[in-house]
């Protein structure tokens, strides 16, 4: 090789390295702007997730779920995602919750395969629950168990003497609004 060709090869290598470095620096400057956008998106989605990962998309209102329940009978079920508010949570370990249907009714929510629990201080918070809504006949002993977990008095528990038809929900995923 002649000295001129060697010089050109070395110059070309340095130029190529400089171009790669310049492209890297330019791309780093672009990335600095992106975290601001990601933070904004994260603030909009201030949820704690429990169970199966779900999104807030396509959730119906509690009123819409109440209307669906009204057309169901014991044994009927449907897959649904609903946005509602927690009325009560099991104070023993967070293994069930009651949610508001906005029509004076509540739905009893249990968690699929007891795979997760809700924080015991989540009463009054908004949630999105995903899973199976169904109408259920709850026996006396099960009602008493829930009443005890909910902190009912002995007199209130003893007053439960009849099976009760309830709106029920088996959640496989829950988003709990944190803000």
C-alpha atoms as a PDB file:
ATOM      1  CA  UNK A   1       0.000   0.000   0.000  1.00  0.00           C
ATOM      2  CA  UNK A   2       1.152   3.473  -0.737  1.00  0.00           C
ATOM      3  CA  UNK A   3       1.379   6.059   2.024  1.00  0.00           C
ATOM      4  CA  UNK A   4      -1.418   8.087   0.412  1.00  0.00           C
ATOM      5  CA  UNK A   5      -3.840   5.110   0.415  1.00  0.00           C
ATOM      6  CA  UNK A   6      -2.941   4.356   4.051  1.00  0.00           C
ATOM      7  CA  UNK A   7      -3.601   7.998   4.954  1.00  0.00           C
ATOM      8  CA  UNK A   8      -6.970   7.929   3.131  1.00  0.00           C
ATOM      9  CA  UNK A   9      -7.992   4.656   4.875  1.00  0.00           C
ATOM     10  CA  UNK A  10      -7.101   6.094   8.295  1.00  0.00           C
ATOM     11  CA  UNK A  11      -8.889   9.361   7.487  1.00  0.00           C
ATOM     12  CA  UNK A  12     -11.991   7.448   6.348  1.00  0.00           C
ATOM     13  CA  UNK A  13     -11.989   5.394   9.562  1.00  0.00           C
ATOM     14  CA  UNK A  14     -11.781   8.565  11.691  1.00  0.00           C
ATOM     15  CA  UNK A  15     -14.529  10.210   9.666  1.00  0.00           C
ATOM     16  CA  UNK A  16     -16.727   7.153  10.108  1.00  0.00           C
ATOM     17  CA  UNK A  17     -16.082   7.130  13.865  1.00  0.00           C
ATOM     18  CA  UNK A  18     -16.856  10.855  14.065  1.00  0.00           C
ATOM     19  CA  UNK A  19     -20.142  10.343  12.173  1.00  0.00           C
ATOM     20  CA  UNK A  20     -21.169   7.526  14.525  1.00  0.00           C
ATOM     21  CA  UNK A  21     -20.319   9.666  17.568  1.00  0.00           C
ATOM     22  CA  UNK A  22     -22.232  12.635  16.166  1.00  0.00           C
ATOM     23  CA  UNK A  23     -25.288  10.448  15.513  1.00  0.00           C
ATOM     24  CA  UNK A  24     -25.060   9.044  19.048  1.00  0.00           C
ATOM     25  CA  UNK A  25     -24.850  12.518  20.596  1.00  0.00           C
ATOM     26  CA  UNK A  26     -27.771  13.729  18.468  1.00  0.00           C
ATOM     27  CA  UNK A  27     -29.922  10.769  19.475  1.00  0.00           C
ATOM     28  CA  UNK A  28     -29.125  11.352  23.170  1.00  0.00           C
ATOM     29  CA  UNK A  29     -30.396  14.912  22.906  1.00  0.00           C
ATOM     30  CA  UNK A  30     -33.717  13.636  21.481  1.00  0.00           C
ATOM     31  CA  UNK A  31     -34.126  11.116  24.316  1.00  0.00           C
ATOM     32  CA  UNK A  32     -33.818  13.866  26.922  1.00  0.00           C
ATOM     33  CA  UNK A  33     -37.224  15.229  25.798  1.00  0.00           C
ATOM     34  CA  UNK A  34     -39.062  11.875  26.049  1.00  0.00           C
ATOM     35  CA  UNK A  35     -39.073  11.336  29.858  1.00  0.00           C
ATOM     36  CA  UNK A  36     -41.184  14.486  30.290  1.00  0.00           C
ATOM     37  CA  UNK A  37     -43.868  12.958  28.021  1.00  0.00           C
ATOM     38  CA  UNK A  38     -43.648   9.591  29.801  1.00  0.00           C
ATOM     39  CA  UNK A  39     -44.077  11.272  33.192  1.00  0.00           C
ATOM     40  CA  UNK A  40     -47.244  12.987  31.962  1.00  0.00           C
ATOM     41  CA  UNK A  41     -48.657   9.658  30.787  1.00  0.00           C
ATOM     42  CA  UNK A  42     -47.744   7.977  34.082  1.00  0.00           C
ATOM     43  CA  UNK A  43     -49.537  10.700  36.052  1.00  0.00           C
ATOM     44  CA  UNK A  44     -52.730  10.117  34.036  1.00  0.00           C
ATOM     45  CA  UNK A  45     -52.609   6.403  34.879  1.00  0.00           C
ATOM     46  CA  UNK A  46     -52.164   6.559  38.662  1.00  0.00           C
ATOM     47  CA  UNK A  47     -53.285   3.009  39.464  1.00  0.00           C
ATOM     48  CA  UNK A  48     -51.918   0.199  41.575  1.00  0.00           C
ATOM     49  CA  UNK A  49     -52.397  -3.115  39.770  1.00  0.00           C
ATOM     50  CA  UNK A  50     -53.487  -6.372  41.432  1.00  0.00           C
ATOM     51  CA  UNK A  51     -53.844  -9.799  39.818  1.00  0.00           C
ATOM     52  CA  UNK A  52     -53.818 -10.077  36.033  1.00  0.00           C
ATOM     53  CA  UNK A  53     -52.483  -6.978  34.270  1.00  0.00           C
ATOM     54  CA  UNK A  54     -55.393  -5.020  32.805  1.00  0.00           C
ATOM     55  CA  UNK A  55     -55.914  -1.576  31.280  1.00  0.00           C
ATOM     56  CA  UNK A  56     -58.594   1.004  31.930  1.00  0.00           C
ATOM     57  CA  UNK A  57     -59.763   0.838  28.300  1.00  0.00           C
ATOM     58  CA  UNK A  58     -63.304  -0.343  27.556  1.00  0.00           C
ATOM     59  CA  UNK A  59     -64.480  -0.285  31.185  1.00  0.00           C
ATOM     60  CA  UNK A  60     -68.223   0.239  31.570  1.00  0.00           C
ATOM     61  CA  UNK A  61     -69.791   2.331  34.322  1.00  0.00           C
ATOM     62  CA  UNK A  62     -71.272   0.889  37.511  1.00  0.00           C
ATOM     63  CA  UNK A  63     -74.739   1.950  36.265  1.00  0.00           C
ATOM     64  CA  UNK A  64     -74.239  -0.067  33.071  1.00  0.00           C
ATOM     65  CA  UNK A  65     -73.240  -3.118  35.099  1.00  0.00           C
ATOM     66  CA  UNK A  66     -76.287  -2.673  37.358  1.00  0.00           C
ATOM     67  CA  UNK A  67     -78.540  -2.719  34.274  1.00  0.00           C
ATOM     68  CA  UNK A  68     -76.878  -5.923  33.060  1.00  0.00           C
ATOM     69  CA  UNK A  69     -77.327  -7.566  36.491  1.00  0.00           C
ATOM     70  CA  UNK A  70     -81.049  -6.734  36.449  1.00  0.00           C
ATOM     71  CA  UNK A  71     -81.544  -8.892  33.361  1.00  0.00           C
ATOM     72  CA  UNK A  72     -79.651 -11.866  34.842  1.00  0.00           C
ATOM     73  CA  UNK A  73     -80.878 -14.780  36.976  1.00  0.00           C
ATOM     74  CA  UNK A  74     -79.055 -17.155  39.346  1.00  0.00           C
ATOM     75  CA  UNK A  75     -76.448 -19.045  37.334  1.00  0.00           C
ATOM     76  CA  UNK A  76     -76.069 -16.433  34.549  1.00  0.00           C
ATOM     77  CA  UNK A  77     -72.618 -14.903  34.044  1.00  0.00           C
ATOM     78  CA  UNK A  78     -70.746 -12.576  31.696  1.00  0.00           C
ATOM     79  CA  UNK A  79     -67.192 -11.330  31.221  1.00  0.00           C
ATOM     80  CA  UNK A  80     -66.964  -7.592  31.883  1.00  0.00           C
ATOM     81  CA  UNK A  81     -64.669  -4.736  32.950  1.00  0.00           C
ATOM     82  CA  UNK A  82     -66.239  -2.052  35.155  1.00  0.00           C
ATOM     83  CA  UNK A  83     -65.201   1.214  36.788  1.00  0.00           C
ATOM     84  CA  UNK A  84     -66.742   1.646  40.247  1.00  0.00           C
ATOM     85  CA  UNK A  85     -66.077   2.597  43.880  1.00  0.00           C
ATOM     86  CA  UNK A  86     -65.209   0.305  46.801  1.00  0.00           C
ATOM     87  CA  UNK A  87     -67.880   0.345  49.538  1.00  0.00           C
ATOM     88  CA  UNK A  88     -66.250  -2.204  51.851  1.00  0.00           C
ATOM     89  CA  UNK A  89     -63.152  -4.432  52.102  1.00  0.00           C
ATOM     90  CA  UNK A  90     -62.495  -7.570  54.142  1.00  0.00           C
ATOM     91  CA  UNK A  91     -60.709  -6.380  57.262  1.00  0.00           C
ATOM     92  CA  UNK A  92     -59.231  -9.817  57.985  1.00  0.00           C
ATOM     93  CA  UNK A  93     -56.880  -9.820  54.974  1.00  0.00           C
ATOM     94  CA  UNK A  94     -58.458  -7.978  52.014  1.00  0.00           C
ATOM     95  CA  UNK A  95     -59.808 -11.190  50.448  1.00  0.00           C
ATOM     96  CA  UNK A  96     -63.090  -9.643  49.210  1.00  0.00           C
ATOM     97  CA  UNK A  97     -64.655  -6.268  48.608  1.00  0.00           C
ATOM     98  CA  UNK A  98     -68.096  -4.838  47.971  1.00  0.00           C
ATOM     99  CA  UNK A  99     -68.468  -2.313  45.170  1.00  0.00           C
ATOM    100  CA  UNK A 100     -71.113   0.318  44.494  1.00  0.00           C
ATOM    101  CA  UNK A 101     -73.454  -0.211  41.525  1.00  0.00           C
ATOM    102  CA  UNK A 102     -74.768   3.381  41.809  1.00  0.00           C
ATOM    103  CA  UNK A 103     -78.410   2.199  42.000  1.00  0.00           C
ATOM    104  CA  UNK A 104     -78.531   1.407  45.710  1.00  0.00           C
ATOM    105  CA  UNK A 105     -77.136  -2.104  45.121  1.00  0.00           C
ATOM    106  CA  UNK A 106     -73.699  -3.590  45.668  1.00  0.00           C
ATOM    107  CA  UNK A 107     -71.740  -6.413  44.072  1.00  0.00           C
ATOM    108  CA  UNK A 108     -69.621  -8.783  46.172  1.00  0.00           C
ATOM    109  CA  UNK A 109     -66.189  -9.148  44.572  1.00  0.00           C
ATOM    110  CA  UNK A 110     -63.890 -12.087  45.237  1.00  0.00           C
ATOM    111  CA  UNK A 111     -60.521 -12.643  43.612  1.00  0.00           C
ATOM    112  CA  UNK A 112     -59.888 -15.492  41.208  1.00  0.00           C
ATOM    113  CA  UNK A 113     -58.260 -18.466  42.959  1.00  0.00           C
ATOM    114  CA  UNK A 114     -57.539 -16.160  45.946  1.00  0.00           C
ATOM    115  CA  UNK A 115     -54.556 -15.140  43.810  1.00  0.00           C
ATOM    116  CA  UNK A 116     -54.384 -11.622  45.243  1.00  0.00           C
ATOM    117  CA  UNK A 117     -55.900  -9.397  47.934  1.00  0.00           C
ATOM    118  CA  UNK A 118     -56.806  -5.728  48.187  1.00  0.00           C
ATOM    119  CA  UNK A 119     -55.355  -3.293  50.726  1.00  0.00           C
ATOM    120  CA  UNK A 120     -57.604  -3.162  53.795  1.00  0.00           C
ATOM    121  CA  UNK A 121     -57.654   0.639  53.643  1.00  0.00           C
ATOM    122  CA  UNK A 122     -59.101   0.858  50.103  1.00  0.00           C
ATOM    123  CA  UNK A 123     -62.681   1.596  51.155  1.00  0.00           C
ATOM    124  CA  UNK A 124     -63.989   4.638  49.265  1.00  0.00           C
ATOM    125  CA  UNK A 125     -61.401   4.416  46.482  1.00  0.00           C
ATOM    126  CA  UNK A 126     -62.174   4.036  42.786  1.00  0.00           C
ATOM    127  CA  UNK A 127     -61.304   0.796  41.009  1.00  0.00           C
ATOM    128  CA  UNK A 128     -61.504  -0.875  37.647  1.00  0.00           C
ATOM    129  CA  UNK A 129     -62.267  -4.577  37.986  1.00  0.00           C
ATOM    130  CA  UNK A 130     -62.058  -7.166  35.242  1.00  0.00           C
ATOM    131  CA  UNK A 131     -63.582 -10.624  35.340  1.00  0.00           C
ATOM    132  CA  UNK A 132     -66.854 -12.509  35.563  1.00  0.00           C
ATOM    133  CA  UNK A 133     -70.087 -10.933  36.804  1.00  0.00           C
ATOM    134  CA  UNK A 134     -72.800 -13.375  37.947  1.00  0.00           C
ATOM    135  CA  UNK A 135     -75.899 -13.704  40.093  1.00  0.00           C
ATOM    136  CA  UNK A 136     -75.424 -15.988  43.069  1.00  0.00           C
ATOM    137  CA  UNK A 137     -77.421 -17.442  45.957  1.00  0.00           C
ATOM    138  CA  UNK A 138     -75.289 -17.024  49.079  1.00  0.00           C
ATOM    139  CA  UNK A 139     -75.963 -19.507  51.910  1.00  0.00           C
ATOM    140  CA  UNK A 140     -76.421 -18.315  55.506  1.00  0.00           C
ATOM    141  CA  UNK A 141     -73.034 -19.598  56.737  1.00  0.00           C
ATOM    142  CA  UNK A 142     -71.167 -17.774  53.968  1.00  0.00           C
ATOM    143  CA  UNK A 143     -73.082 -14.535  54.658  1.00  0.00           C
ATOM    144  CA  UNK A 144     -72.196 -14.824  58.338  1.00  0.00           C
ATOM    145  CA  UNK A 145     -68.531 -15.393  57.480  1.00  0.00           C
ATOM    146  CA  UNK A 146     -68.452 -12.199  55.370  1.00  0.00           C
ATOM    147  CA  UNK A 147     -70.281 -10.259  58.077  1.00  0.00           C
ATOM    148  CA  UNK A 148     -67.685 -11.396  60.627  1.00  0.00           C
ATOM    149  CA  UNK A 149     -64.806 -10.436  58.286  1.00  0.00           C
ATOM    150  CA  UNK A 150     -66.475  -7.061  57.785  1.00  0.00           C
ATOM    151  CA  UNK A 151     -66.542  -6.374  61.528  1.00  0.00           C
ATOM    152  CA  UNK A 152     -70.269  -6.972  62.171  1.00  0.00           C
ATOM    153  CA  UNK A 153     -71.497  -7.408  65.743  1.00  0.00           C
ATOM    154  CA  UNK A 154     -72.628 -10.780  67.116  1.00  0.00           C
ATOM    155  CA  UNK A 155     -76.253  -9.572  66.960  1.00  0.00           C
ATOM    156  CA  UNK A 156     -75.907  -8.569  63.292  1.00  0.00           C
ATOM    157  CA  UNK A 157     -74.370 -11.943  62.458  1.00  0.00           C
ATOM    158  CA  UNK A 158     -77.105 -13.843  64.333  1.00  0.00           C
ATOM    159  CA  UNK A 159     -79.777 -11.904  62.406  1.00  0.00           C
ATOM    160  CA  UNK A 160     -78.667 -13.567  59.149  1.00  0.00           C
ATOM    161  CA  UNK A 161     -81.079 -16.499  58.798  1.00  0.00           C
ATOM    162  CA  UNK A 162     -81.994 -16.772  55.076  1.00  0.00           C
ATOM    163  CA  UNK A 163     -80.012 -17.428  51.886  1.00  0.00           C
ATOM    164  CA  UNK A 164     -79.661 -14.255  49.841  1.00  0.00           C
ATOM    165  CA  UNK A 165     -79.596 -13.632  46.091  1.00  0.00           C
ATOM    166  CA  UNK A 166     -76.635 -11.335  45.390  1.00  0.00           C
ATOM    167  CA  UNK A 167     -74.782  -9.736  42.550  1.00  0.00           C
ATOM    168  CA  UNK A 168     -71.320 -11.297  42.531  1.00  0.00           C
ATOM    169  CA  UNK A 169     -68.069 -10.759  40.689  1.00  0.00           C
ATOM    170  CA  UNK A 170     -64.936 -12.893  40.342  1.00  0.00           C
ATOM    171  CA  UNK A 171     -62.110 -10.494  39.493  1.00  0.00           C
ATOM    172  CA  UNK A 172     -58.973 -11.671  37.746  1.00  0.00           C
ATOM    173  CA  UNK A 173     -57.458  -8.182  37.656  1.00  0.00           C
ATOM    174  CA  UNK A 174     -57.982  -4.903  39.525  1.00  0.00           C
ATOM    175  CA  UNK A 175     -56.691  -1.372  39.058  1.00  0.00           C
ATOM    176  CA  UNK A 176     -56.906   0.667  42.258  1.00  0.00           C
ATOM    177  CA  UNK A 177     -56.879   4.450  41.732  1.00  0.00           C
ATOM    178  CA  UNK A 178     -54.050   5.869  43.830  1.00  0.00           C
ATOM    179  CA  UNK A 179     -54.677   9.613  43.340  1.00  0.00           C
END
